[in-house]
Protein backbone atom coordinates (compact mmCIF):
# COMPACT_ATOMS: atom_id res chain seq x y z
CA MET A 1 -3.35 4.41 -33.86
CA SER A 2 -0.27 1.66 -33.94
CA LEU A 3 3.19 2.94 -34.14
CA THR A 4 6.35 1.45 -35.88
CA CYS A 5 9.24 1.13 -34.62
CA PRO A 6 12.64 -1.19 -35.08
CA ALA A 7 12.54 -3.18 -31.63
CA VAL A 8 14.72 -6.21 -30.78
CA LEU A 9 14.92 -8.78 -27.66
CA VAL A 10 18.33 -9.41 -26.43
CA SER A 11 18.28 -12.91 -24.99
CA ALA A 12 21.25 -15.42 -24.35
CA PRO A 13 21.37 -19.54 -23.90
CA ALA A 14 21.62 -19.25 -20.38
CA SER A 15 22.57 -16.75 -17.28
CA GLY A 16 26.00 -15.66 -17.13
CA GLN A 17 26.11 -15.25 -20.84
CA GLY A 18 26.97 -10.82 -20.47
CA LYS A 19 23.74 -9.95 -21.71
CA THR A 20 23.34 -6.11 -19.76
CA LEU A 21 26.38 -5.16 -21.39
CA ILE A 22 26.04 -6.60 -24.56
CA THR A 23 22.39 -4.80 -24.47
CA ALA A 24 23.99 -1.64 -23.14
CA ALA A 25 26.89 -1.81 -25.58
CA LEU A 26 24.75 -2.42 -28.33
CA ALA A 27 22.14 0.68 -27.66
CA ARG A 28 24.71 2.84 -26.95
CA ALA A 29 26.69 1.90 -30.32
CA TRP A 30 23.30 3.32 -32.14
CA ARG A 31 22.76 5.79 -29.68
CA ASN A 32 26.29 7.16 -31.03
CA LYS A 33 25.07 6.63 -34.17
CA GLY A 34 23.13 9.83 -33.10
CA LEU A 35 19.66 7.62 -33.00
CA ARG A 36 17.24 7.69 -30.33
CA VAL A 37 17.31 4.09 -27.96
CA ARG A 38 14.95 3.15 -25.59
CA ALA A 39 15.51 0.32 -23.54
CA PHE A 40 13.41 -1.97 -21.43
CA LYS A 41 13.87 -5.07 -19.07
CA CYS A 42 12.26 -8.09 -18.75
CA GLY A 43 11.40 -9.23 -15.15
CA PRO A 44 11.58 -6.95 -12.01
CA ASP A 45 15.12 -6.48 -12.12
CA PHE A 46 16.04 -2.84 -10.43
CA LEU A 47 19.63 -3.24 -11.16
CA ASP A 48 20.40 -3.80 -15.28
CA PRO A 49 17.84 -0.74 -15.74
CA MET A 50 20.51 1.00 -14.43
CA ILE A 51 23.32 0.36 -16.55
CA LEU A 52 20.81 0.50 -19.40
CA GLU A 53 19.70 4.09 -18.46
CA VAL A 54 23.50 4.98 -18.60
CA ALA A 55 23.73 3.44 -21.72
CA THR A 56 20.52 5.11 -23.91
CA GLY A 57 20.66 8.14 -21.49
CA ARG A 58 16.81 7.54 -20.61
CA PRO A 59 14.53 6.29 -18.09
CA VAL A 60 14.45 2.37 -18.32
CA TYR A 61 11.37 0.44 -17.84
CA ASN A 62 10.31 -3.52 -16.84
CA LEU A 63 8.27 -6.00 -19.35
CA ASP A 64 6.64 -8.63 -16.55
CA PHE A 65 3.47 -10.13 -17.03
CA THR A 66 2.84 -10.53 -13.14
CA MET A 67 4.22 -7.98 -11.50
CA CYS A 68 3.28 -5.22 -13.89
CA GLY A 69 0.77 -7.07 -16.25
CA GLU A 70 0.77 -7.42 -19.94
CA SER A 71 -1.42 -4.02 -20.87
CA ASP A 72 0.91 -2.03 -19.06
CA GLY A 73 3.73 -3.48 -21.31
CA GLN A 74 1.84 -2.92 -24.06
CA ALA A 75 0.91 0.73 -22.70
CA GLN A 76 4.71 1.20 -22.07
CA LEU A 77 6.10 -0.17 -25.23
CA TYR A 78 3.64 2.50 -27.16
CA ARG A 79 5.00 5.55 -25.37
CA ALA A 80 8.58 4.30 -26.11
CA ALA A 81 7.98 3.93 -29.91
CA GLN A 82 6.28 7.28 -29.99
CA ASN A 83 10.01 9.09 -29.72
CA ALA A 84 12.23 5.97 -30.18
CA ASP A 85 14.61 5.31 -33.26
CA VAL A 86 14.93 1.63 -32.03
CA ILE A 87 13.85 -0.12 -29.24
CA ILE A 88 15.64 -2.60 -27.47
CA VAL A 89 14.30 -5.28 -24.51
CA GLU A 90 16.92 -7.10 -22.23
CA GLY A 91 15.71 -10.81 -22.00
CA VAL A 92 15.75 -12.66 -18.29
CA MET A 93 17.82 -15.70 -17.74
CA GLY A 94 18.03 -17.92 -21.04
CA LEU A 95 15.40 -17.53 -23.62
CA TYR A 96 12.98 -20.39 -22.60
CA ASP A 97 13.55 -19.59 -19.12
CA GLY A 98 11.34 -19.04 -16.34
CA THR A 99 7.05 -18.36 -17.04
CA PRO A 100 6.68 -16.24 -18.87
CA SER A 101 10.01 -16.48 -20.34
CA ALA A 102 12.23 -13.96 -22.53
CA ALA A 103 10.60 -15.78 -25.85
CA ASP A 104 7.04 -15.63 -24.23
CA ILE A 105 7.61 -11.79 -24.15
CA ALA A 106 9.11 -11.47 -27.20
CA VAL A 107 6.41 -13.51 -29.02
CA HIS A 108 3.65 -11.58 -26.78
CA PHE A 109 4.61 -7.99 -28.25
CA GLY A 110 6.11 -9.46 -31.53
CA LEU A 111 9.61 -8.38 -30.23
CA PRO A 112 12.44 -10.10 -32.86
CA ALA A 113 14.89 -11.90 -30.76
CA MET A 114 18.31 -11.80 -30.83
CA LEU A 115 20.83 -14.09 -29.31
CA THR A 116 24.29 -12.85 -27.21
CA ILE A 117 26.08 -16.13 -26.85
CA ASP A 118 29.20 -16.96 -24.73
CA ALA A 119 31.64 -18.49 -27.78
CA SER A 120 34.41 -19.12 -25.82
CA GLY A 121 35.82 -22.46 -26.89
CA MET A 122 32.81 -22.76 -29.94
CA ALA A 123 33.49 -22.96 -33.66
CA GLN A 124 30.94 -23.81 -36.04
CA THR A 125 28.52 -25.42 -33.39
CA PHE A 126 28.08 -21.58 -32.90
CA GLY A 127 25.42 -21.05 -35.61
CA ALA A 128 23.82 -24.68 -34.65
CA LEU A 129 23.99 -23.52 -31.40
CA ALA A 130 22.05 -20.32 -32.59
CA SER A 131 19.80 -21.38 -35.43
CA GLY A 132 18.14 -24.17 -33.45
CA LEU A 133 17.30 -22.12 -30.12
CA LEU A 134 15.89 -19.23 -31.99
CA ALA A 135 13.67 -22.43 -34.51
CA PHE A 136 12.90 -24.01 -30.71
CA GLN A 137 9.55 -21.56 -30.59
CA PRO A 138 7.80 -21.30 -34.41
CA ALA A 139 5.96 -18.16 -33.32
CA LEU A 140 9.32 -16.43 -32.31
CA ILE A 141 10.38 -14.06 -34.61
CA PRO A 142 14.55 -14.52 -35.09
CA ALA A 143 16.83 -11.39 -35.74
CA GLY A 144 20.02 -12.53 -35.12
CA VAL A 145 23.13 -13.50 -32.92
CA LEU A 146 26.10 -11.53 -30.92
CA ALA A 147 29.01 -13.26 -29.86
CA ASN A 148 30.53 -12.46 -26.63
CA LYS A 149 34.04 -13.84 -25.39
CA VAL A 150 35.63 -14.45 -28.91
CA GLY A 151 39.27 -15.11 -29.39
CA SER A 152 40.47 -12.83 -32.07
CA ALA A 153 38.88 -11.10 -35.04
CA GLY A 154 39.48 -14.45 -37.08
CA HIS A 155 37.65 -16.23 -34.73
CA ALA A 156 34.82 -13.76 -34.89
CA LYS A 157 34.70 -13.93 -38.79
CA LEU A 158 34.80 -18.31 -38.38
CA LEU A 159 31.30 -17.46 -36.30
CA GLN A 160 29.65 -15.20 -38.66
CA ASP A 161 30.33 -16.99 -41.61
CA CYS A 162 28.74 -20.38 -39.95
CA LEU A 163 25.79 -18.85 -39.23
CA PRO A 164 22.96 -19.44 -41.61
CA PRO A 165 21.48 -16.65 -44.11
CA HIS A 166 18.69 -16.13 -42.54
CA LEU A 167 20.23 -14.77 -38.78
CA SER A 168 21.73 -11.26 -38.93
CA TRP A 169 25.07 -10.86 -37.57
CA PHE A 170 25.55 -8.13 -34.78
CA GLY A 171 28.88 -8.11 -33.86
CA ALA A 172 31.48 -9.85 -31.51
CA LEU A 173 33.27 -8.64 -28.49
CA GLN A 174 36.55 -9.76 -27.66
CA LYS A 175 37.56 -12.03 -24.46
CA ASN A 176 38.50 -8.81 -22.07
CA GLU A 177 38.39 -7.92 -18.20
CA VAL A 178 37.08 -4.35 -19.88
CA PHE A 179 33.82 -5.59 -21.02
CA SER A 180 32.85 -7.75 -17.51
CA LEU A 181 30.62 -6.07 -15.22
CA PRO A 182 31.17 -6.75 -11.38
CA GLU A 183 28.50 -8.39 -8.96
CA ARG A 184 27.19 -8.89 -5.62
CA HIS A 185 24.58 -11.15 -3.63
CA LEU A 186 21.71 -9.12 -5.32
CA GLY A 187 23.27 -8.89 -8.76
CA LEU A 188 25.08 -6.83 -10.03
CA PHE A 189 26.83 -3.27 -8.54
CA ARG A 190 24.68 -0.01 -9.12
CA ALA A 191 25.55 1.56 -11.85
CA SER A 192 26.97 5.25 -9.44
CA GLU A 193 28.98 2.45 -7.97
CA MET A 194 31.20 2.02 -11.23
CA THR A 195 33.59 4.59 -11.61
CA ASP A 196 34.71 2.63 -15.23
CA LEU A 197 30.92 2.15 -16.40
CA GLU A 198 31.04 4.55 -19.12
CA THR A 199 34.57 3.51 -20.75
CA LYS A 200 33.19 0.08 -20.04
CA ILE A 201 29.71 0.90 -22.29
CA GLU A 202 32.01 2.72 -24.79
CA ALA A 203 34.61 0.74 -25.31
CA ALA A 204 32.62 -2.60 -26.06
CA ALA A 205 30.02 -0.26 -28.23
CA HIS A 206 33.14 0.78 -30.42
CA ALA A 207 33.90 -2.75 -30.58
CA LEU A 208 30.41 -3.45 -31.88
CA ALA A 209 30.57 -0.92 -34.02
CA GLU A 210 33.97 -2.04 -35.55
CA SER A 211 32.72 -5.81 -35.94
CA SER A 212 29.80 -4.71 -37.78
CA HIS A 213 27.06 -2.69 -39.58
CA LEU A 214 24.97 -1.85 -36.81
CA ASN A 215 22.14 -2.49 -38.78
CA LEU A 216 18.78 -1.57 -37.36
CA PRO A 217 16.58 -4.82 -36.28
CA PRO A 218 13.14 -5.21 -37.98
CA LEU A 219 10.40 -2.97 -37.73
CA VAL A 220 7.58 -4.10 -35.30
CA ASN A 221 4.19 -2.72 -34.76
CA PHE A 222 3.24 -1.60 -31.30
CA ASN A 223 -0.66 -0.87 -30.45
CA PRO A 224 -2.18 2.05 -28.29
CA PRO A 225 -3.07 0.98 -24.55
CA THR A 226 -6.83 0.46 -23.51
CA THR A 227 -5.54 1.16 -20.09
CA ALA A 228 -7.66 3.94 -18.45
CA THR A 229 -6.15 7.53 -17.62
CA THR A 230 -4.77 7.35 -14.22
CA PRO A 231 -6.93 9.16 -11.44
CA ALA A 232 -5.60 11.88 -9.94
CA LEU A 233 -5.89 10.60 -6.62
CA LEU A 234 -2.77 12.12 -4.77
CA ALA A 235 -3.48 16.14 -6.49
CA GLY A 236 -2.06 18.33 -4.01
CA LYS A 237 -0.11 15.95 -1.95
CA THR A 238 4.03 15.99 -1.78
CA ILE A 239 5.44 12.69 -1.26
CA ALA A 240 9.49 12.51 -0.22
CA VAL A 241 11.19 9.24 -1.75
CA ALA A 242 14.37 8.03 -0.17
CA LYS A 243 17.16 8.44 -2.59
CA ASP A 244 21.05 7.39 -2.05
CA ALA A 245 23.59 4.58 -1.95
CA ALA A 246 21.23 2.65 0.34
CA PHE A 247 17.51 3.39 -0.69
CA CYS A 248 18.04 2.63 -4.65
CA PHE A 249 15.56 0.32 -5.47
CA ILE A 250 13.00 2.15 -7.52
CA TYR A 251 11.08 1.95 -10.14
CA GLN A 252 11.00 4.97 -12.98
CA ALA A 253 7.20 3.79 -13.77
CA ASN A 254 6.37 4.02 -10.04
CA LEU A 255 7.74 7.59 -9.94
CA ASP A 256 5.81 8.12 -13.35
CA CYS A 257 2.19 6.51 -11.32
CA LEU A 258 2.54 9.02 -8.07
CA ALA A 259 2.84 12.34 -10.74
CA ASP A 260 0.30 11.07 -13.13
CA MET A 261 -2.07 10.75 -9.85
CA GLY A 262 -1.26 14.90 -9.08
CA ALA A 263 1.82 13.89 -6.59
CA THR A 264 4.60 16.38 -6.45
CA LEU A 265 7.66 14.55 -5.94
CA LYS A 266 11.01 15.20 -3.59
CA PHE A 267 13.88 12.91 -3.27
CA PHE A 268 15.92 12.86 0.05
CA SER A 269 19.02 11.03 1.33
CA PRO A 270 18.04 8.86 5.10
CA LEU A 271 22.30 8.31 5.00
CA HIS A 272 23.45 12.14 4.29
CA GLU A 273 20.49 14.40 5.54
CA ASN A 274 19.41 14.91 9.19
CA SER A 275 16.51 15.58 8.82
CA LEU A 276 13.24 14.74 6.78
CA PRO A 277 11.98 17.46 4.11
CA GLU A 278 8.17 18.53 4.19
CA ALA A 279 5.68 16.29 2.68
CA ASP A 280 2.28 14.99 2.90
CA ALA A 281 3.94 10.96 3.11
CA TYR A 282 7.00 9.44 2.47
CA TRP A 283 8.69 6.28 0.92
CA LEU A 284 11.28 4.45 1.80
CA PRO A 285 12.07 1.74 -0.86
CA GLY A 286 14.44 -0.77 -0.45
CA GLY A 287 18.07 -1.07 -1.73
CA TYR A 288 21.28 -2.01 0.64
CA PRO A 289 21.14 -0.33 4.06
CA GLU A 290 22.92 -3.55 5.45
CA LEU A 291 26.17 -1.59 3.42
CA HIS A 292 25.39 1.29 5.53
CA LEU A 293 25.10 0.66 9.08
CA VAL A 294 27.61 2.97 10.69
CA GLU A 295 25.41 5.74 9.06
CA ILE A 296 22.70 4.49 9.42
CA SER A 297 23.22 3.80 13.15
CA GLU A 298 25.28 7.52 13.71
CA ASN A 299 22.21 9.57 11.83
CA ILE A 300 20.52 10.54 15.45
CA GLY A 301 18.55 13.72 13.32
CA MET A 302 16.63 11.47 10.61
CA LYS A 303 16.00 9.13 13.00
CA ASN A 304 14.44 12.01 15.14
CA SER A 305 12.51 13.27 12.36
CA LEU A 306 11.09 10.05 11.01
CA ILE A 307 9.42 9.55 14.41
CA ALA A 308 8.29 13.08 14.80
CA ALA A 309 6.69 12.02 11.03
CA PHE A 310 4.93 8.87 12.74
CA ASN A 311 4.04 11.11 15.84
CA ALA A 312 2.16 13.30 13.15
CA ASN A 313 0.29 10.57 11.33
CA LYS A 314 2.05 10.96 8.32
CA PRO A 315 2.11 7.91 5.71
CA ILE A 316 5.41 6.46 5.76
CA LEU A 317 5.98 3.05 3.06
CA ALA A 318 8.99 1.01 3.96
CA GLU A 319 9.95 -1.75 1.38
CA CYS A 320 12.22 -3.94 1.46
CA GLY A 321 15.81 -2.78 2.65
CA GLY A 322 13.73 0.10 3.88
CA MET A 323 11.59 -1.77 6.36
CA MET A 324 14.97 -3.44 7.61
CA ALA A 325 16.14 0.06 8.27
CA LEU A 326 12.83 0.86 10.38
CA SER A 327 13.67 -1.61 12.73
CA GLU A 328 15.36 -1.74 15.60
CA SER A 329 18.72 -3.44 13.90
CA ILE A 330 20.21 -4.83 11.06
CA ASP A 331 22.71 -7.35 12.47
CA GLY A 332 23.08 -6.28 15.92
CA SER A 333 23.69 -2.60 14.28
CA PRO A 334 20.94 -0.08 15.59
CA THR A 335 18.63 1.33 13.10
CA PHE A 336 15.97 3.70 12.99
CA GLY A 337 13.80 1.79 15.09
CA LEU A 338 10.15 2.51 14.16
CA LEU A 339 9.16 -0.94 13.60
CA ALA A 340 9.69 -3.52 16.92
CA GLY A 341 11.73 -6.37 15.89
CA THR A 342 15.15 -7.01 14.40
CA SER A 343 16.23 -8.05 11.19
CA GLN A 344 19.35 -9.92 9.45
CA ILE A 345 20.97 -10.29 6.22
CA HIS A 346 21.77 -14.24 5.42
CA GLN A 347 24.07 -15.82 2.73
CA LYS A 348 21.09 -17.88 1.69
CA LEU A 349 18.10 -16.39 -0.65
CA GLN A 350 15.37 -15.66 1.71
CA GLY A 351 12.80 -14.44 -1.14
CA LEU A 352 12.36 -14.38 -4.61
CA GLY A 353 9.49 -14.20 -7.44
CA SER A 354 6.71 -11.83 -9.33
CA LEU A 355 3.30 -12.34 -7.13
CA LYS A 356 -0.33 -10.73 -7.38
CA ALA A 357 -0.73 -9.48 -3.45
CA GLU A 358 -4.12 -9.18 -2.12
CA LEU A 359 -5.06 -6.31 0.19
CA ALA A 360 -8.33 -5.57 1.78
CA GLN A 361 -8.81 -2.69 -1.21
CA GLY A 362 -8.08 -5.45 -3.40
CA GLU A 363 -4.95 -6.81 -5.86
CA ILE A 364 -1.68 -5.13 -6.70
CA GLY A 365 1.14 -6.39 -8.37
CA ALA A 366 4.67 -6.79 -6.74
CA HIS A 367 7.93 -8.71 -6.24
CA THR A 368 10.21 -10.20 -4.04
CA PHE A 369 14.07 -10.72 -3.75
CA HIS A 370 16.18 -10.31 -1.04
CA TYR A 371 18.65 -11.99 1.59
CA GLY A 372 17.18 -10.93 4.63
CA SER A 373 14.90 -11.63 7.27
CA PHE A 374 12.55 -9.61 10.12
CA GLU A 375 11.70 -10.91 13.28
CA THR A 376 8.90 -9.57 14.71
CA THR A 377 6.03 -9.17 17.06
CA LEU A 378 3.88 -7.05 14.76
CA THR A 379 0.47 -9.17 13.15
CA PRO A 380 0.34 -9.09 9.41
CA ILE A 381 -2.31 -7.51 7.41
CA ALA A 382 -1.99 -9.60 4.59
CA THR A 383 0.25 -12.77 3.70
CA VAL A 384 1.29 -13.74 0.48
CA LYS A 385 2.71 -16.85 -0.44
CA THR A 386 5.91 -16.63 -3.27
CA ARG A 387 5.93 -18.63 -6.56
CA PHE A 388 8.55 -21.26 -4.12
CA GLY A 389 6.11 -20.96 -1.24
CA LYS A 390 7.61 -18.27 1.39
CA ALA A 391 4.95 -16.59 2.53
CA GLU A 392 5.64 -12.88 2.60
CA ASN A 393 4.12 -10.41 5.39
CA ILE A 394 2.80 -7.14 4.63
CA TYR A 395 2.51 -4.76 8.46
CA GLN A 396 0.63 -2.11 8.86
CA HIS A 397 1.87 0.11 12.31
CA GLY A 398 -0.01 2.89 12.90
CA ASN A 399 0.50 5.19 9.76
CA ILE A 400 3.95 2.65 8.55
CA THR A 401 3.20 0.03 5.54
CA ALA A 402 6.02 -1.90 5.74
CA SER A 403 6.96 -5.50 3.62
CA PHE A 404 9.69 -6.93 1.94
CA LEU A 405 7.62 -6.51 -1.10
CA HIS A 406 8.27 -4.17 -4.00
CA PHE A 407 4.64 -2.79 -5.07
CA TYR A 408 4.00 -1.90 -8.63
CA PHE A 409 1.74 1.27 -8.54
CA ALA A 410 0.71 1.14 -12.01
CA SER A 411 -0.97 -1.85 -11.39
CA ASN A 412 -3.78 -0.65 -9.07
CA PRO A 413 -3.20 2.84 -8.56
CA GLN A 414 -5.99 3.03 -6.27
CA ILE A 415 -4.07 0.68 -3.94
CA ALA A 416 -0.96 2.72 -4.30
CA ALA A 417 -2.33 6.05 -3.37
CA SER A 418 -3.76 4.65 -0.21
CA LEU A 419 -0.74 3.94 0.62
CA PHE A 420 0.15 7.31 0.66
CA LEU A 421 -3.14 8.92 2.24
CA PRO A 422 -3.82 9.26 5.82
């Protein structure tokens, strides 16, 4: 049985227009009215969902046709509609940028699109830009517009008045340093690093509430998923997941998938604990090990514990930063040393894109986004070409599976389970 729920996809003419804070602020403004808000992020991003989770108080999921699959997106949206009063989806890049674009995702799931536009230095052209972008693809349902970086309340009123009648006004944020978020090479800072994030989101939500009626977007029909029940391939198994400032790129959907397959999950910190918890398998996800090299090099207890797990033939999955941490060094600083080879962080991007990884057992969705390299004598068990032609290797060293790829478990639960089984 299909469900209905108000929903909107937030996009922009280009990157750098403030989509993440705008999405977080709008979600919080609705939450402040007592509504249950569920948020999603287009694409395979880890960092923006952390911001949206703070805003909504609920886990955030990704919509990506290549990595996750269309049926997974349908299933996630349907589950969200079961216990939400409104669904908000943050787009990626500009509205029509990429394949698929945010507009393609909006059309596929019937999501009305809202634009956030950097309106600094703009007057009536604001209305023309919004109207033209939202009409460019006839199948796209226009929801309305939100103005960012306006100069004053009078400027916001001028922008609102120039909109055509069919486009709703979702409010405005004035140009103010409090309405900006800090960034580094992989994108925004992690939510937990921003000590003033809550203040920023709440201030932006209050500003939107003052500049608009916070009307809900149109109702959307969400159809039930057609996917099969996840098999209990990990029943009785305990998987310990590294989770701290250095190892933090974890899809909530991956945790859900492991739990759905019967696994019990534990969490540990390779930075702050000196031994592994007792478990049947271990997962070191990506993150920022390069920012914590002193802690890693000095944690001899954790290194010895990882070596003991390796010698006990316990499966270990090491993704991206997790793989670099298991190498012999990062930028010359000693790391855990379970994988022969050295890692380095570069100034230029080394890998980017969602993809399908072909393994002996079949195909699994994944994505890559990193500035690192891994020089090793290990022979890869598989090599995957990215959208831009660069190859990403998958290595098998004893019981360790390692790659710069971040796997999306629900795209192939059987392969995902095999990563944690002897």
